[in-house]
Amino acid sequence: MILGRRADKCTAFCMLWQIPAKVHIVRVFLLHFSHVLLFRL
């Protein structure tokens, strides 16, 4: 039971930790994409 609870906490923490990473990747991609568009125009 304790191991299961610890695993659940770990997976929840990992999922929460991945959200900012994904947001950061999207933000960097959008910044790069907008720079490319501005450079093209």
Protein backbone atom coordinates (compact mmCIF):
# COMPACT_ATOMS: atom_id res chain seq x y z
CA MET A 1 0.00 0.00 0.00
CA ILE A 2 2.77 2.44 0.97
CA LEU A 3 4.72 1.68 -2.21
CA GLY A 4 1.58 2.16 -4.29
CA ARG A 5 0.88 5.52 -2.66
CA ARG A 6 4.47 6.59 -3.22
CA ALA A 7 4.24 5.58 -6.88
CA ASP A 8 0.99 7.55 -7.29
CA LYS A 9 2.63 10.61 -5.74
CA CYS A 10 5.63 10.20 -8.04
CA THR A 11 3.52 9.88 -11.20
CA ALA A 12 1.39 12.89 -10.20
CA PHE A 13 4.55 14.90 -9.49
CA CYS A 14 6.08 13.82 -12.81
CA MET A 15 2.92 14.82 -14.70
CA LEU A 16 2.82 18.21 -12.96
CA TRP A 17 6.53 18.66 -13.65
CA GLN A 18 6.07 17.92 -17.36
CA ILE A 19 3.40 20.63 -17.84
CA PRO A 20 5.79 23.63 -17.47
CA ALA A 21 8.32 21.84 -19.69
CA LYS A 22 5.71 21.43 -22.45
CA VAL A 23 4.57 25.04 -22.03
CA HIS A 24 8.22 26.15 -22.30
CA ILE A 25 8.71 24.11 -25.50
CA VAL A 26 5.55 25.61 -27.04
CA ARG A 27 6.65 29.12 -26.00
CA VAL A 28 10.10 28.67 -27.55
CA PHE A 29 8.55 27.22 -30.72
CA LEU A 30 6.11 30.15 -31.03
CA LEU A 31 8.91 32.67 -30.43
CA HIS A 32 11.08 31.02 -33.09
CA PHE A 33 8.14 30.77 -35.52
CA SER A 34 7.22 34.45 -35.07
CA HIS A 35 10.87 35.46 -35.60
CA VAL A 36 10.97 33.44 -38.83
CA LEU A 37 7.71 35.03 -40.03
CA LEU A 38 8.96 38.55 -39.19
CA PHE A 39 12.23 37.82 -40.96
CA ARG A 40 10.36 36.59 -44.05
CA LEU A 41 8.11 39.67 -44.13
